[in-house]
Amino acid sequence: MIRLLKWIGVGAGILLSAVILLIVTAIGGAGLLYDLRAPARTSGGDVRDTAQYVTMSDGVRIAVDVFLPPHMQAGAKVPVLIKATPYWRGYRLGFLGKALVQLHAIPAPSDPDTPMLTARGYAVMAVDTRGTGASFGSQKIAFDDREVKDYDELIGWAARQPWSNGRVGAYGFSYRGMLAMQMAGLGNPALKAIAPSFDFTDLYLVLYPGGVFDSYFAKAWGDQTGLLNRGVVPCPGKVCHLIVAGPKPVDADRGGTLLAQAIAEHAGNYNMTACARAAPDRDDRVCVSASR
């Protein structure tokens, strides 16, 4: 998603939208065709890419995408790599975005690591952490016990799937990397390896470098995640919102009802700036009562 946002220039957006809208009118139905494409399948005939909810032990539904290797044979079992994020595991396209994909002006929504890994025989499982994206629930603070427990359950779920060989790994950078580190501390026997390419080892120093509150970072990160949690793409200009319509729903949620319900629950998420300001000392309890 970040690559897409960088591609969109605010100044060029007005001209681009005018040109594209004319093309869209001419090819009318490109967006519909995009939605009705046949699902990708493995060589064994199984649906390769799926989006679904996995229900946690407390009843909260977590949105996950599963991407299987394209050359996977019927009955084969492969290792699973988990990447989890609060920044939308995927996004849905608006009408203009769908038309641009049909015209090959922009790539279809995907992370570059996913096809690279599936081509090498791994299943990739992308997760919206609770309280974000299409997942239900709310976050009282990042990496709290309940959020981390979700991954103990998701690791077990991934290991039990008929296409899984029971061996699970986790990877990513920044928040994904930090979640991979948290998963390593769970002691789940199915988790065999982690690859956090970048993570913050001391969140206190991120917010209080040298003991001084970094108000700019707290506000910028809080504002961005606040928009994402409300289902709004955090980029300027109207063209952006015509291209990216919001977080990706699960396959069964054709009308977006479940996505809307999930986003409504995100209103209970914590407020980054308020929580950080209320905890100036390393030993302070964080986000005791603050909410977004």
Foldseek 3Di string as FASTA:
>chain_A
DVVVQVPDDQVCLVVVVVVLVVVCVVVPCLLVVLVPDDAQAAPQGHRAWFWDWDADPVGWTWIKIKGAANPDHPQAAFEEEEFEDQQFLWFDWFPSQSSCCSVVVDPDIDDPVQNVVNPVGYMYMYINQELHFLTAAEALDPPDPVSLVVVLVVLVVQLPDSRHVLAYEYEEEESRLVSRVSNVVPPRPNYDYYYHVYYDPDVLCVQQVVLRGPLVVQVVVQVCSVCRLLFHHPHDDPSVCNTTVGHDHGPVPPPCPSSNNRSVNSQFYFRRNVQSVVPSDPPDDTSPDGGD
